[in-house]
Amino acid sequence: MKRSLIGCILLGLALAGCKPARTPVATGADPYPADGKYFGPVATDAEKVLLTPLPPSDAPQPEAGMAALSGALYSYTINKIIPETMFYLTKAQGDNRDSMPGFLAGPDATLGDLVEHSDPYGNFQLADIPPGRYFLIVSAPYNWCPAEASLGDPTPRLIILSAGDRLALGIVYVSWP
């Protein structure tokens, strides 16, 4: 009996030592908002960078006869930028060159697809793109997602580039992943 009581006390002390440390609150400070709603801790500056896209304001200078574009990949489904992710430009198809390819299996260099990656902030810049009509397709786990026309309009975004164009797309919305 004495042995099991000592065992219980030791187990209780061991478990008490496993509790997570509490963050001290300044004296008089209320850790909850005045409206009574608490959504968790405030995002750190590093986390805010992942939440707020800051697209390049201009596209790079292309070679003569070519075009360039820039933007920031942003997932509205998870409300975050899409950092360090592969994407590609694929040529529009159909009689009017305004249709997306029927099956997105990934980039195909033989079809003229141009592959690039977003940087750690979701930004991208492409230079020296042949003039034409394109769709931007983003790699997602187990899938490929087309860039959308705008927030709230899931139509695939058609990008039309002429020679000498430097098109800053701004925030490129994607339903990702």
Protein backbone atom coordinates (compact mmCIF):
# COMPACT_ATOMS: atom_id res chain seq x y z
CA MET A 1 0.00 0.00 0.00
CA LYS A 2 2.78 2.37 1.00
CA ARG A 3 4.65 1.53 -2.22
CA SER A 4 1.64 2.30 -4.47
CA LEU A 5 0.98 5.59 -2.63
CA ILE A 6 4.59 6.66 -3.20
CA GLY A 7 4.29 5.58 -6.87
CA CYS A 8 1.13 7.69 -7.30
CA ILE A 9 2.81 10.71 -5.73
CA LEU A 10 5.87 10.34 -7.97
CA LEU A 11 3.66 9.90 -11.06
CA GLY A 12 1.67 13.02 -10.10
CA LEU A 13 4.86 15.04 -9.69
CA ALA A 14 6.19 13.79 -13.02
CA LEU A 15 2.96 14.72 -14.81
CA ALA A 16 2.87 18.12 -13.12
CA GLY A 17 6.31 18.82 -14.59
CA CYS A 18 4.97 18.09 -18.11
CA LYS A 19 2.48 20.94 -18.18
CA PRO A 20 3.22 23.56 -20.85
CA ALA A 21 4.67 26.80 -19.56
CA ARG A 22 2.18 29.64 -19.35
CA THR A 23 2.95 32.95 -20.94
CA PRO A 24 2.97 35.61 -18.25
CA VAL A 25 0.49 38.44 -18.73
CA ALA A 26 1.51 41.94 -17.77
CA THR A 27 -0.14 43.16 -14.58
CA GLY A 28 -3.48 44.73 -15.38
CA ALA A 29 -3.39 43.56 -18.99
CA ASP A 30 -6.43 41.67 -20.27
CA PRO A 31 -5.43 38.75 -22.54
CA TYR A 32 -8.89 38.82 -24.16
CA PRO A 33 -10.35 41.52 -26.42
CA ALA A 34 -12.99 43.86 -24.97
CA ASP A 35 -15.71 42.36 -27.19
CA GLY A 36 -15.27 38.99 -25.48
CA LYS A 37 -14.11 37.22 -28.65
CA TYR A 38 -10.76 35.48 -28.51
CA PHE A 39 -9.24 34.08 -31.66
CA GLY A 40 -5.82 33.09 -30.35
CA PRO A 41 -2.49 34.86 -30.31
CA VAL A 42 -1.72 37.73 -32.64
CA ALA A 43 0.31 36.70 -35.70
CA THR A 44 4.04 37.37 -35.57
CA ASP A 45 5.68 39.53 -38.25
CA ALA A 46 6.96 36.37 -39.99
CA GLU A 47 3.43 34.91 -40.02
CA LYS A 48 1.98 38.19 -41.35
CA VAL A 49 4.33 37.94 -44.34
CA LEU A 50 2.72 34.59 -45.18
CA LEU A 51 -0.74 36.11 -44.94
CA THR A 52 -0.23 39.35 -46.88
CA PRO A 53 0.95 39.23 -50.49
CA LEU A 54 3.10 42.13 -51.65
CA PRO A 55 3.41 41.60 -55.42
CA PRO A 56 6.17 43.21 -57.47
CA SER A 57 5.02 46.55 -58.84
CA ASP A 58 6.65 45.95 -62.21
CA ALA A 59 7.71 43.08 -64.45
CA PRO A 60 11.33 42.68 -65.58
CA GLN A 61 12.60 44.16 -68.84
CA PRO A 62 12.23 41.54 -71.62
CA GLU A 63 14.53 41.01 -74.58
CA ALA A 64 13.45 42.63 -77.86
CA GLY A 65 10.33 40.96 -79.31
CA MET A 66 9.50 39.21 -76.03
CA ALA A 67 7.25 39.95 -73.03
CA ALA A 68 7.52 39.73 -69.23
CA LEU A 69 5.20 39.38 -66.28
CA SER A 70 5.23 39.40 -62.50
CA GLY A 71 2.86 38.80 -59.61
CA ALA A 72 2.29 37.09 -56.29
CA LEU A 73 0.64 33.67 -55.91
CA TYR A 74 -2.06 33.71 -53.26
CA SER A 75 -4.42 30.98 -52.05
CA TYR A 76 -7.78 32.39 -51.03
CA THR A 77 -8.81 28.97 -49.68
CA ILE A 78 -6.16 29.06 -46.94
CA ASN A 79 -5.65 32.87 -46.92
CA LYS A 80 -1.90 32.68 -47.43
CA ILE A 81 0.71 33.31 -50.08
CA ILE A 82 2.02 30.30 -51.97
CA PRO A 83 5.80 30.36 -51.40
CA GLU A 84 8.45 28.42 -53.30
CA THR A 85 5.96 26.64 -55.52
CA MET A 86 6.33 25.54 -59.14
CA PHE A 87 3.97 26.98 -61.73
CA TYR A 88 3.94 27.15 -65.47
CA LEU A 89 2.51 29.14 -68.35
CA THR A 90 0.73 27.04 -70.93
CA LYS A 91 -0.54 28.29 -74.29
CA ALA A 92 -4.26 28.87 -74.71
CA GLN A 93 -5.98 26.52 -77.12
CA GLY A 94 -9.07 26.48 -79.32
CA ASP A 95 -10.11 28.40 -82.41
CA ASN A 96 -9.98 31.75 -80.60
CA ARG A 97 -6.95 30.82 -78.49
CA ASP A 98 -8.95 31.46 -75.31
CA SER A 99 -9.50 27.92 -73.97
CA MET A 100 -7.49 26.19 -71.31
CA PRO A 101 -6.06 22.74 -72.12
CA GLY A 102 -8.56 20.04 -71.23
CA PHE A 103 -6.22 17.99 -69.06
CA LEU A 104 -3.55 19.50 -66.80
CA ALA A 105 -0.85 16.87 -66.39
CA GLY A 106 1.96 19.30 -65.66
CA PRO A 107 4.29 21.33 -67.83
CA ASP A 108 5.31 20.04 -71.24
CA ALA A 109 8.32 21.77 -72.82
CA THR A 110 7.45 20.32 -76.24
CA LEU A 111 4.24 22.38 -76.14
CA GLY A 112 6.14 25.55 -75.19
CA ASP A 113 5.16 25.56 -71.51
CA LEU A 114 7.35 27.87 -69.41
CA VAL A 115 8.18 26.69 -65.87
CA GLU A 116 9.11 28.89 -62.90
CA HIS A 117 8.89 28.96 -59.08
CA SER A 118 7.53 31.56 -56.69
CA ASP A 119 10.01 32.95 -54.16
CA PRO A 120 9.69 32.62 -50.33
CA TYR A 121 7.16 35.49 -50.41
CA GLY A 122 4.99 34.04 -53.18
CA ASN A 123 6.34 36.52 -55.74
CA PHE A 124 7.45 35.65 -59.24
CA GLN A 125 8.94 37.34 -62.29
CA LEU A 126 9.27 35.91 -65.77
CA ALA A 127 11.11 37.60 -68.61
CA ASP A 128 11.55 36.71 -72.26
CA ILE A 129 8.15 35.12 -72.82
CA PRO A 130 7.17 34.69 -76.48
CA PRO A 131 4.11 36.84 -77.30
CA GLY A 132 0.89 34.87 -77.09
CA ARG A 133 -2.11 33.89 -74.99
CA TYR A 134 -1.43 31.86 -71.84
CA PHE A 135 -2.90 30.38 -68.70
CA LEU A 136 -0.91 30.26 -65.45
CA ILE A 137 -1.11 26.85 -63.74
CA VAL A 138 0.12 26.31 -60.14
CA SER A 139 1.38 23.06 -58.68
CA ALA A 140 -0.66 21.84 -55.73
CA PRO A 141 -0.43 18.57 -53.81
CA TYR A 142 -1.76 15.88 -56.17
CA ASN A 143 -3.18 18.45 -58.57
CA TRP A 144 -2.63 21.48 -60.82
CA CYS A 145 -4.67 24.64 -60.17
CA PRO A 146 -5.24 27.38 -62.75
CA ALA A 147 -4.93 31.00 -61.70
CA GLU A 148 -8.37 32.57 -61.51
CA ALA A 149 -9.68 35.71 -63.20
CA SER A 150 -10.17 37.48 -59.86
CA LEU A 151 -11.19 36.89 -56.29
CA GLY A 152 -14.74 35.57 -56.53
CA ASP A 153 -14.49 34.71 -60.25
CA PRO A 154 -13.16 31.15 -60.67
CA THR A 155 -12.84 31.52 -64.46
CA PRO A 156 -9.27 30.59 -65.47
CA ARG A 157 -7.28 33.78 -66.02
CA LEU A 158 -6.29 34.33 -69.65
CA ILE A 159 -3.02 36.26 -69.95
CA ILE A 160 -2.46 38.03 -73.28
CA LEU A 161 1.09 39.16 -73.99
CA SER A 162 2.38 41.20 -76.92
CA ALA A 163 6.00 41.93 -77.79
CA GLY A 164 7.47 44.43 -75.35
CA ASP A 165 4.75 43.97 -72.70
CA ARG A 166 5.78 44.18 -69.05
CA LEU A 167 2.62 42.99 -67.31
CA ALA A 168 2.39 43.20 -63.52
CA LEU A 169 -0.46 40.82 -62.64
CA GLY A 170 -0.59 41.86 -58.98
CA ILE A 171 -2.13 39.23 -56.72
CA VAL A 172 -2.80 36.00 -58.61
CA TYR A 173 -5.66 34.15 -56.91
CA VAL A 174 -5.64 30.37 -56.80
CA SER A 175 -7.91 27.81 -55.14
CA TRP A 176 -4.96 25.97 -53.57
CA PRO A 177 -4.42 23.26 -52.41
